[in-house]
Amino acid sequence: MNTDNFIIKINDLKILKNELNFKINEEFFNTFNYKDIDECDINVKMSSIFELNKFNLSFNIKGNLKTPCDSCGEDLVLKLEFTDKRLIVISDEKQSNEIIFLPFHENVIDISHMIYEMIVLFIPIKRSHILDGNDCNKEILNQINKKNKLIDDRWSSLKKVNIKI
């Protein structure tokens, strides 16, 4: 996916309110080398309020993405629905954690990385079928448990070690 669609020309924005819509699929994440998403269909609605030298960006993100379950490896469909905000100030100052500073000589801003970060940070660290209300594949879990119970004999002697702290 070409991230040029996510470049906003500041000169083209109206004073006051602007709205833009973006459709995101798995190709978007491939441009950032993020391989944990197999499929996705995400809609991003961005509204901006432009006042003098600052932009208040509001993102409304809704959709589904498919990723492997960490427990059983089967496909897991996660529903996304959240909002997030960013403040962009046109100034030659340095970046801060809460404010994005855009130098005066810049007339475009690429919001693709902002959207990427918002979505990736919203995805849970532990992805399990508990999140979508289903159960993991019991057959696969049983195979994993059997494999985990097999202990290499070379390590069994470590059970005899008694370490006192």
N, C-alpha and C. Protein backbone atom coordinates (compact mmCIF):
# COMPACT_ATOMS: atom_id res chain seq x y z
N MET A 1 0.85 -1.18 0.00
CA MET A 1 0.00 0.00 0.00
C MET A 1 0.89 1.24 0.00
N ASN A 2 0.54 2.15 -0.79
CA ASN A 2 1.29 3.39 -0.90
C ASN A 2 0.87 4.33 0.23
N THR A 3 1.83 4.75 1.03
CA THR A 3 1.50 5.64 2.16
C THR A 3 1.34 7.09 1.71
N ASP A 4 1.46 7.37 0.42
CA ASP A 4 1.24 8.73 -0.07
C ASP A 4 -0.20 9.18 0.20
N ASN A 5 -1.12 8.23 0.32
CA ASN A 5 -2.51 8.58 0.61
C ASN A 5 -2.67 9.19 1.99
N PHE A 6 -1.67 9.01 2.84
CA PHE A 6 -1.73 9.48 4.22
C PHE A 6 -0.97 10.79 4.42
N ILE A 7 -0.55 11.40 3.34
CA ILE A 7 0.16 12.68 3.42
C ILE A 7 -0.87 13.80 3.29
N ILE A 8 -0.88 14.66 4.29
CA ILE A 8 -1.82 15.77 4.31
C ILE A 8 -1.08 17.05 3.94
N LYS A 9 -1.61 17.73 2.95
CA LYS A 9 -1.04 19.02 2.55
C LYS A 9 -1.72 20.10 3.39
N ILE A 10 -0.94 20.75 4.18
CA ILE A 10 -1.48 21.73 5.12
C ILE A 10 -2.16 22.89 4.38
N ASN A 11 -1.61 23.27 3.25
CA ASN A 11 -2.19 24.38 2.48
C ASN A 11 -3.59 24.05 1.96
N ASP A 12 -3.88 22.75 1.80
CA ASP A 12 -5.18 22.34 1.28
C ASP A 12 -6.26 22.27 2.37
N LEU A 13 -5.86 22.36 3.62
CA LEU A 13 -6.83 22.26 4.71
C LEU A 13 -7.59 23.56 4.87
N LYS A 14 -8.85 23.41 5.22
CA LYS A 14 -9.68 24.57 5.50
C LYS A 14 -9.43 25.03 6.92
N ILE A 15 -9.58 26.30 7.12
CA ILE A 15 -9.55 26.80 8.50
C ILE A 15 -10.78 26.21 9.18
N LEU A 16 -10.67 25.84 10.36
CA LEU A 16 -11.69 25.18 11.16
C LEU A 16 -11.66 23.68 10.90
N LYS A 17 -12.78 23.06 10.49
CA LYS A 17 -12.90 21.61 10.54
C LYS A 17 -12.69 20.94 9.18
N ASN A 18 -11.96 19.81 9.20
CA ASN A 18 -11.71 18.98 8.03
C ASN A 18 -11.97 17.53 8.42
N GLU A 19 -12.43 16.73 7.46
CA GLU A 19 -12.61 15.30 7.72
C GLU A 19 -12.02 14.51 6.56
N LEU A 20 -11.27 13.46 6.93
CA LEU A 20 -10.69 12.56 5.94
C LEU A 20 -10.96 11.13 6.36
N ASN A 21 -11.16 10.26 5.38
CA ASN A 21 -11.39 8.84 5.66
C ASN A 21 -10.31 8.01 4.98
N PHE A 22 -9.88 6.98 5.69
CA PHE A 22 -8.85 6.08 5.17
C PHE A 22 -9.31 4.64 5.36
N LYS A 23 -9.00 3.81 4.39
CA LYS A 23 -9.29 2.38 4.46
C LYS A 23 -7.95 1.67 4.56
N ILE A 24 -7.83 0.81 5.59
CA ILE A 24 -6.55 0.15 5.84
C ILE A 24 -6.73 -1.35 5.70
N ASN A 25 -5.78 -1.98 4.99
CA ASN A 25 -5.75 -3.43 4.90
C ASN A 25 -4.37 -3.93 5.29
N GLU A 26 -4.14 -5.23 5.13
CA GLU A 26 -2.87 -5.81 5.59
C GLU A 26 -1.66 -5.25 4.85
N GLU A 27 -1.84 -4.75 3.64
CA GLU A 27 -0.71 -4.16 2.90
C GLU A 27 -0.14 -2.95 3.64
N PHE A 28 -1.00 -2.22 4.31
CA PHE A 28 -0.57 -1.05 5.09
C PHE A 28 0.47 -1.47 6.12
N PHE A 29 0.21 -2.56 6.84
CA PHE A 29 1.12 -3.04 7.88
C PHE A 29 2.39 -3.63 7.27
N ASN A 30 2.28 -4.19 6.07
CA ASN A 30 3.47 -4.73 5.39
C ASN A 30 4.47 -3.64 5.06
N THR A 31 3.99 -2.41 4.81
CA THR A 31 4.92 -1.31 4.52
C THR A 31 5.77 -0.97 5.73
N PHE A 32 5.29 -1.33 6.93
CA PHE A 32 6.04 -1.10 8.16
C PHE A 32 6.72 -2.39 8.65
N ASN A 33 6.72 -3.43 7.81
CA ASN A 33 7.31 -4.73 8.14
C ASN A 33 6.69 -5.35 9.39
N TYR A 34 5.41 -5.12 9.59
CA TYR A 34 4.68 -5.71 10.72
C TYR A 34 3.95 -6.94 10.18
N LYS A 35 4.40 -8.11 10.58
CA LYS A 35 3.91 -9.36 10.00
C LYS A 35 2.88 -10.08 10.85
N ASP A 36 2.47 -9.54 11.99
CA ASP A 36 1.55 -10.25 12.89
C ASP A 36 0.09 -10.20 12.43
N ILE A 37 -0.22 -9.43 11.42
CA ILE A 37 -1.60 -9.30 10.95
C ILE A 37 -1.72 -10.01 9.61
N ASP A 38 -2.62 -11.02 9.57
CA ASP A 38 -2.83 -11.77 8.34
C ASP A 38 -3.78 -11.05 7.40
N GLU A 39 -4.88 -10.57 7.96
CA GLU A 39 -5.87 -9.84 7.18
C GLU A 39 -6.44 -8.73 8.06
N CYS A 40 -6.90 -7.67 7.42
CA CYS A 40 -7.59 -6.64 8.19
C CYS A 40 -8.46 -5.79 7.29
N ASP A 41 -9.47 -5.23 7.90
CA ASP A 41 -10.38 -4.30 7.24
C ASP A 41 -10.69 -3.22 8.26
N ILE A 42 -9.97 -2.13 8.19
CA ILE A 42 -10.07 -1.08 9.21
C ILE A 42 -10.40 0.24 8.52
N ASN A 43 -11.36 0.95 9.11
CA ASN A 43 -11.71 2.29 8.64
C ASN A 43 -11.22 3.31 9.65
N VAL A 44 -10.55 4.33 9.14
CA VAL A 44 -10.05 5.40 9.99
C VAL A 44 -10.73 6.70 9.53
N LYS A 45 -11.41 7.32 10.46
CA LYS A 45 -12.02 8.62 10.19
C LYS A 45 -11.24 9.65 10.99
N MET A 46 -10.62 10.56 10.28
CA MET A 46 -9.81 11.58 10.94
C MET A 46 -10.49 12.93 10.75
N SER A 47 -10.70 13.60 11.85
CA SER A 47 -11.20 14.97 11.75
C SER A 47 -10.15 15.88 12.36
N SER A 48 -9.98 17.02 11.74
CA SER A 48 -8.98 17.97 12.23
C SER A 48 -9.61 19.34 12.39
N ILE A 49 -9.17 19.98 13.42
CA ILE A 49 -9.57 21.37 13.64
C ILE A 49 -8.30 22.19 13.53
N PHE A 50 -8.26 23.08 12.57
CA PHE A 50 -7.07 23.87 12.27
C PHE A 50 -7.30 25.29 12.78
N GLU A 51 -6.43 25.71 13.68
CA GLU A 51 -6.51 27.06 14.23
C GLU A 51 -5.12 27.68 14.19
N LEU A 52 -4.99 28.79 13.57
CA LEU A 52 -3.73 29.53 13.47
C LEU A 52 -2.52 28.63 13.24
N ASN A 53 -1.85 28.21 14.30
CA ASN A 53 -0.63 27.42 14.10
C ASN A 53 -0.72 26.04 14.75
N LYS A 54 -1.94 25.53 14.93
CA LYS A 54 -2.03 24.19 15.52
C LYS A 54 -3.20 23.41 14.92
N PHE A 55 -3.03 22.09 14.95
CA PHE A 55 -4.05 21.15 14.49
C PHE A 55 -4.42 20.24 15.64
N ASN A 56 -5.70 20.07 15.89
CA ASN A 56 -6.18 19.05 16.79
C ASN A 56 -6.72 17.92 15.91
N LEU A 57 -6.04 16.78 15.93
CA LEU A 57 -6.46 15.65 15.12
C LEU A 57 -7.20 14.65 16.00
N SER A 58 -8.36 14.22 15.56
CA SER A 58 -9.13 13.19 16.25
C SER A 58 -9.28 12.01 15.29
N PHE A 59 -8.94 10.83 15.79
CA PHE A 59 -9.02 9.62 14.99
C PHE A 59 -10.08 8.70 15.56
N ASN A 60 -10.98 8.24 14.72
CA ASN A 60 -11.98 7.24 15.09
C ASN A 60 -11.66 6.00 14.26
N ILE A 61 -11.26 4.93 14.93
CA ILE A 61 -10.76 3.73 14.25
C ILE A 61 -11.69 2.57 14.56
N LYS A 62 -12.22 1.93 13.49
CA LYS A 62 -13.12 0.79 13.62
C LYS A 62 -12.75 -0.24 12.57
N GLY A 63 -12.87 -1.51 12.97
CA GLY A 63 -12.64 -2.57 12.00
C GLY A 63 -12.27 -3.88 12.66
N ASN A 64 -11.84 -4.81 11.83
CA ASN A 64 -11.44 -6.14 12.27
C ASN A 64 -10.06 -6.45 11.74
N LEU A 65 -9.33 -7.26 12.50
CA LEU A 65 -8.06 -7.77 12.00
C LEU A 65 -7.91 -9.22 12.43
N LYS A 66 -7.21 -9.97 11.59
CA LYS A 66 -6.99 -11.38 11.86
C LYS A 66 -5.52 -11.60 12.15
N THR A 67 -5.27 -12.26 13.29
CA THR A 67 -3.91 -12.51 13.74
C THR A 67 -3.89 -13.91 14.37
N PRO A 68 -2.73 -14.56 14.45
CA PRO A 68 -2.70 -15.88 15.09
C PRO A 68 -2.88 -15.79 16.60
N CYS A 69 -3.58 -16.76 17.16
CA CYS A 69 -3.75 -16.88 18.61
C CYS A 69 -2.41 -17.32 19.20
N ASP A 70 -2.00 -16.69 20.29
CA ASP A 70 -0.73 -17.04 20.94
C ASP A 70 -0.79 -18.42 21.60
N SER A 71 -1.98 -18.88 21.95
CA SER A 71 -2.09 -20.16 22.65
C SER A 71 -2.15 -21.35 21.70
N CYS A 72 -3.00 -21.26 20.67
CA CYS A 72 -3.19 -22.43 19.80
C CYS A 72 -2.73 -22.22 18.36
N GLY A 73 -2.47 -20.99 17.96
CA GLY A 73 -1.99 -20.73 16.61
C GLY A 73 -3.08 -20.59 15.57
N GLU A 74 -4.31 -20.83 15.94
CA GLU A 74 -5.43 -20.68 15.01
C GLU A 74 -5.70 -19.19 14.77
N ASP A 75 -6.47 -18.90 13.71
CA ASP A 75 -6.82 -17.52 13.42
C ASP A 75 -7.69 -16.92 14.52
N LEU A 76 -7.38 -15.70 14.87
CA LEU A 76 -8.12 -14.96 15.88
C LEU A 76 -8.55 -13.63 15.26
N VAL A 77 -9.84 -13.34 15.30
CA VAL A 77 -10.35 -12.09 14.75
C VAL A 77 -10.58 -11.12 15.90
N LEU A 78 -9.88 -10.01 15.85
CA LEU A 78 -10.02 -8.97 16.88
C LEU A 78 -10.81 -7.80 16.31
N LYS A 79 -11.76 -7.33 17.09
CA LYS A 79 -12.52 -6.14 16.70
C LYS A 79 -11.84 -4.92 17.30
N LEU A 80 -11.66 -3.92 16.48
CA LEU A 80 -11.08 -2.66 16.94
C LEU A 80 -12.16 -1.59 16.91
N GLU A 81 -12.23 -0.82 17.96
CA GLU A 81 -13.10 0.35 17.97
C GLU A 81 -12.59 1.27 19.08
N PHE A 82 -11.92 2.32 18.67
CA PHE A 82 -11.37 3.26 19.64
C PHE A 82 -11.15 4.62 18.99
N THR A 83 -10.92 5.59 19.83
CA THR A 83 -10.60 6.94 19.37
C THR A 83 -9.27 7.36 19.97
N ASP A 84 -8.61 8.25 19.29
CA ASP A 84 -7.34 8.78 19.79
C ASP A 84 -7.18 10.20 19.26
N LYS A 85 -6.34 10.96 19.91
CA LYS A 85 -6.14 12.36 19.52
C LYS A 85 -4.65 12.67 19.45
N ARG A 86 -4.31 13.61 18.59
CA ARG A 86 -2.95 14.12 18.48
C ARG A 86 -3.02 15.63 18.31
N LEU A 87 -2.02 16.30 18.84
CA LEU A 87 -1.91 17.75 18.68
C LEU A 87 -0.65 18.04 17.87
N ILE A 88 -0.82 18.78 16.79
CA ILE A 88 0.30 19.18 15.95
C ILE A 88 0.40 20.70 16.01
N VAL A 89 1.59 21.16 16.38
CA VAL A 89 1.83 22.60 16.47
C VAL A 89 2.87 22.97 15.42
N ILE A 90 2.57 24.03 14.67
CA ILE A 90 3.53 24.51 13.68
C ILE A 90 4.49 25.44 14.39
N SER A 91 5.71 24.95 14.54
CA SER A 91 6.72 25.68 15.30
C SER A 91 8.07 25.04 15.03
N ASP A 92 9.13 25.77 15.25
CA ASP A 92 10.47 25.22 15.06
C ASP A 92 11.04 24.61 16.35
N GLU A 93 10.21 24.39 17.35
CA GLU A 93 10.67 23.79 18.60
C GLU A 93 10.90 22.29 18.40
N LYS A 94 11.39 21.67 19.45
CA LYS A 94 11.68 20.23 19.42
C LYS A 94 10.42 19.42 19.73
N GLN A 95 10.50 18.13 19.43
CA GLN A 95 9.40 17.20 19.70
C GLN A 95 9.23 16.98 21.20
N SER A 96 8.01 16.70 21.59
CA SER A 96 7.73 16.28 22.96
C SER A 96 6.86 15.03 22.88
N ASN A 97 6.59 14.42 24.01
CA ASN A 97 5.79 13.20 24.00
C ASN A 97 4.33 13.45 23.66
N GLU A 98 3.79 14.58 24.01
CA GLU A 98 2.38 14.85 23.80
C GLU A 98 2.09 15.72 22.57
N ILE A 99 3.07 16.47 22.14
CA ILE A 99 2.86 17.41 21.04
C ILE A 99 3.81 17.08 19.91
N ILE A 100 3.28 17.10 18.68
CA ILE A 100 4.12 16.92 17.50
C ILE A 100 4.37 18.31 16.92
N PHE A 101 5.63 18.67 16.80
CA PHE A 101 5.97 19.98 16.25
C PHE A 101 6.33 19.84 14.78
N LEU A 102 5.73 20.68 13.98
CA LEU A 102 5.97 20.70 12.54
C LEU A 102 6.67 22.02 12.22
N PRO A 103 7.88 21.96 11.63
CA PRO A 103 8.59 23.20 11.32
C PRO A 103 7.80 24.09 10.35
N PHE A 104 8.02 25.38 10.44
CA PHE A 104 7.31 26.35 9.60
C PHE A 104 7.50 26.08 8.11
N HIS A 105 8.67 25.62 7.72
CA HIS A 105 8.95 25.42 6.30
C HIS A 105 8.30 24.16 5.73
N GLU A 106 7.78 23.29 6.58
CA GLU A 106 7.10 22.08 6.12
C GLU A 106 5.66 22.43 5.74
N ASN A 107 5.20 21.88 4.64
CA ASN A 107 3.81 22.12 4.27
C ASN A 107 3.01 20.82 4.11
N VAL A 108 3.63 19.69 4.50
CA VAL A 108 2.93 18.41 4.47
C VAL A 108 3.24 17.63 5.74
N ILE A 109 2.32 16.76 6.11
CA ILE A 109 2.55 15.87 7.25
C ILE A 109 2.04 14.48 6.88
N ASP A 110 2.84 13.49 7.18
CA ASP A 110 2.49 12.10 6.90
C ASP A 110 1.92 11.49 8.19
N ILE A 111 0.64 11.12 8.15
CA ILE A 111 0.00 10.58 9.34
C ILE A 111 -0.01 9.05 9.34
N SER A 112 0.61 8.42 8.35
CA SER A 112 0.58 6.95 8.27
C SER A 112 1.22 6.31 9.49
N HIS A 113 2.34 6.85 9.94
CA HIS A 113 3.01 6.25 11.10
C HIS A 113 2.19 6.46 12.37
N MET A 114 1.50 7.59 12.48
CA MET A 114 0.63 7.84 13.63
C MET A 114 -0.46 6.78 13.70
N ILE A 115 -1.10 6.52 12.57
CA ILE A 115 -2.18 5.54 12.51
C ILE A 115 -1.64 4.15 12.81
N TYR A 116 -0.48 3.83 12.23
CA TYR A 116 0.15 2.53 12.48
C TYR A 116 0.40 2.33 13.98
N GLU A 117 0.98 3.32 14.63
CA GLU A 117 1.27 3.22 16.07
C GLU A 117 0.00 3.07 16.89
N MET A 118 -1.03 3.83 16.56
CA MET A 118 -2.27 3.75 17.32
C MET A 118 -2.86 2.34 17.27
N ILE A 119 -2.90 1.77 16.07
CA ILE A 119 -3.50 0.43 15.92
C ILE A 119 -2.65 -0.62 16.59
N VAL A 120 -1.34 -0.60 16.36
CA VAL A 120 -0.46 -1.62 16.93
C VAL A 120 -0.47 -1.55 18.46
N LEU A 121 -0.51 -0.35 19.01
CA LEU A 121 -0.54 -0.22 20.47
C LEU A 121 -1.88 -0.64 21.05
N PHE A 122 -2.94 -0.63 20.25
CA PHE A 122 -4.26 -1.05 20.74
C PHE A 122 -4.38 -2.58 20.76
N ILE A 123 -3.60 -3.27 19.92
CA ILE A 123 -3.65 -4.73 19.87
C ILE A 123 -3.06 -5.28 21.17
N PRO A 124 -3.76 -6.20 21.83
CA PRO A 124 -3.24 -6.74 23.10
C PRO A 124 -1.91 -7.47 22.91
N ILE A 125 -1.08 -7.43 23.94
CA ILE A 125 0.20 -8.14 23.88
C ILE A 125 -0.05 -9.64 23.81
N LYS A 126 -0.93 -10.12 24.67
CA LYS A 126 -1.31 -11.54 24.68
C LYS A 126 -2.58 -11.68 23.87
N ARG A 127 -2.48 -12.36 22.74
CA ARG A 127 -3.63 -12.54 21.87
C ARG A 127 -4.15 -13.96 22.03
N SER A 128 -5.37 -14.07 22.51
CA SER A 128 -5.95 -15.38 22.77
C SER A 128 -7.42 -15.37 22.39
N HIS A 129 -7.97 -16.54 22.13
CA HIS A 129 -9.38 -16.63 21.76
C HIS A 129 -10.31 -16.15 22.85
N ILE A 130 -9.83 -15.99 24.05
CA ILE A 130 -10.65 -15.43 25.12
C ILE A 130 -11.14 -14.04 24.71
N LEU A 131 -10.33 -13.33 23.93
CA LEU A 131 -10.67 -11.97 23.52
C LEU A 131 -11.86 -11.92 22.57
N ASP A 132 -12.06 -12.97 21.76
CA ASP A 132 -13.18 -12.96 20.83
C ASP A 132 -14.34 -13.84 21.29
N GLY A 133 -14.27 -14.33 22.53
CA GLY A 133 -15.37 -15.09 23.10
C GLY A 133 -15.40 -16.55 22.70
N ASN A 134 -14.39 -17.02 22.00
CA ASN A 134 -14.33 -18.42 21.58
C ASN A 134 -13.30 -19.17 22.41
N ASP A 135 -13.29 -20.48 22.23
CA ASP A 135 -12.30 -21.32 22.90
C ASP A 135 -11.20 -21.67 21.92
N CYS A 136 -10.01 -21.88 22.46
CA CYS A 136 -8.89 -22.32 21.62
C CYS A 136 -9.16 -23.74 21.14
N ASN A 137 -8.49 -24.12 20.08
CA ASN A 137 -8.59 -25.46 19.53
C ASN A 137 -8.02 -26.45 20.54
N LYS A 138 -8.89 -27.25 21.17
CA LYS A 138 -8.47 -28.16 22.25
C LYS A 138 -7.50 -29.22 21.76
N GLU A 139 -7.67 -29.68 20.54
CA GLU A 139 -6.77 -30.70 19.99
C GLU A 139 -5.34 -30.18 19.90
N ILE A 140 -5.20 -28.97 19.42
CA ILE A 140 -3.86 -28.36 19.31
C ILE A 140 -3.28 -28.11 20.70
N LEU A 141 -4.11 -27.62 21.64
CA LEU A 141 -3.63 -27.38 23.01
C LEU A 141 -3.17 -28.67 23.66
N ASN A 142 -3.89 -29.78 23.44
CA ASN A 142 -3.48 -31.07 24.00
C ASN A 142 -2.13 -31.51 23.43
N GLN A 143 -1.93 -31.31 22.13
CA GLN A 143 -0.65 -31.67 21.51
C GLN A 143 0.49 -30.83 22.09
N ILE A 144 0.24 -29.55 22.31
CA ILE A 144 1.26 -28.67 22.88
C ILE A 144 1.58 -29.11 24.31
N ASN A 145 0.55 -29.42 25.09
CA ASN A 145 0.77 -29.86 26.48
C ASN A 145 1.55 -31.17 26.54
N LYS A 146 1.26 -32.10 25.64
CA LYS A 146 2.00 -33.37 25.61
C LYS A 146 3.47 -33.11 25.29
N LYS A 147 3.70 -32.24 24.35
CA LYS A 147 5.08 -31.93 23.96
C LYS A 147 5.83 -31.25 25.11
N ASN A 148 5.15 -30.38 25.83
CA ASN A 148 5.78 -29.69 26.95
C ASN A 148 6.09 -30.62 28.11
N LYS A 149 5.34 -31.71 28.25
CA LYS A 149 5.56 -32.64 29.34
C LYS A 149 6.79 -33.52 29.10
N LEU A 150 7.16 -33.66 27.84
CA LEU A 150 8.35 -34.46 27.54
C LEU A 150 9.58 -33.68 27.99
N ILE A 151 10.36 -34.27 28.89
CA ILE A 151 11.54 -33.59 29.42
C ILE A 151 12.77 -34.34 28.92
N ASP A 152 13.70 -33.58 28.46
CA ASP A 152 14.98 -34.14 28.03
C ASP A 152 15.70 -34.69 29.26
N ASP A 153 16.16 -35.95 29.20
CA ASP A 153 16.82 -36.59 30.34
C ASP A 153 18.04 -35.82 30.82
N ARG A 154 18.68 -35.08 29.96
CA ARG A 154 19.86 -34.33 30.37
C ARG A 154 19.50 -33.27 31.40
N TRP A 155 18.26 -32.81 31.41
CA TRP A 155 17.83 -31.76 32.32
C TRP A 155 17.20 -32.30 33.61
N SER A 156 16.88 -33.58 33.62
CA SER A 156 16.19 -34.13 34.79
C SER A 156 17.06 -34.11 36.05
N SER A 157 18.38 -34.17 35.89
CA SER A 157 19.26 -34.12 37.06
C SER A 157 19.23 -32.75 37.75
N LEU A 158 18.78 -31.71 37.05
CA LEU A 158 18.68 -30.39 37.66
C LEU A 158 17.59 -30.33 38.73
N LYS A 159 16.63 -31.25 38.67
CA LYS A 159 15.58 -31.29 39.69
C LYS A 159 16.15 -31.62 41.06
N LYS A 160 17.28 -32.28 41.10
CA LYS A 160 17.91 -32.70 42.36
C LYS A 160 18.67 -31.55 43.02
N VAL A 161 18.96 -30.52 42.27
CA VAL A 161 19.75 -29.40 42.80
C VAL A 161 18.88 -28.61 43.78
N ASN A 162 19.42 -28.37 44.95
CA ASN A 162 18.71 -27.63 45.99
C ASN A 162 19.47 -26.33 46.25
N ILE A 163 18.92 -25.25 45.78
CA ILE A 163 19.59 -23.95 45.93
C ILE A 163 18.90 -23.18 47.05
N LYS A 164 19.71 -22.75 48.01
CA LYS A 164 19.20 -21.95 49.12
C LYS A 164 19.64 -20.50 48.94
N ILE A 165 18.73 -19.62 49.16
CA ILE A 165 19.06 -18.21 49.00
C ILE A 165 19.15 -17.55 50.35
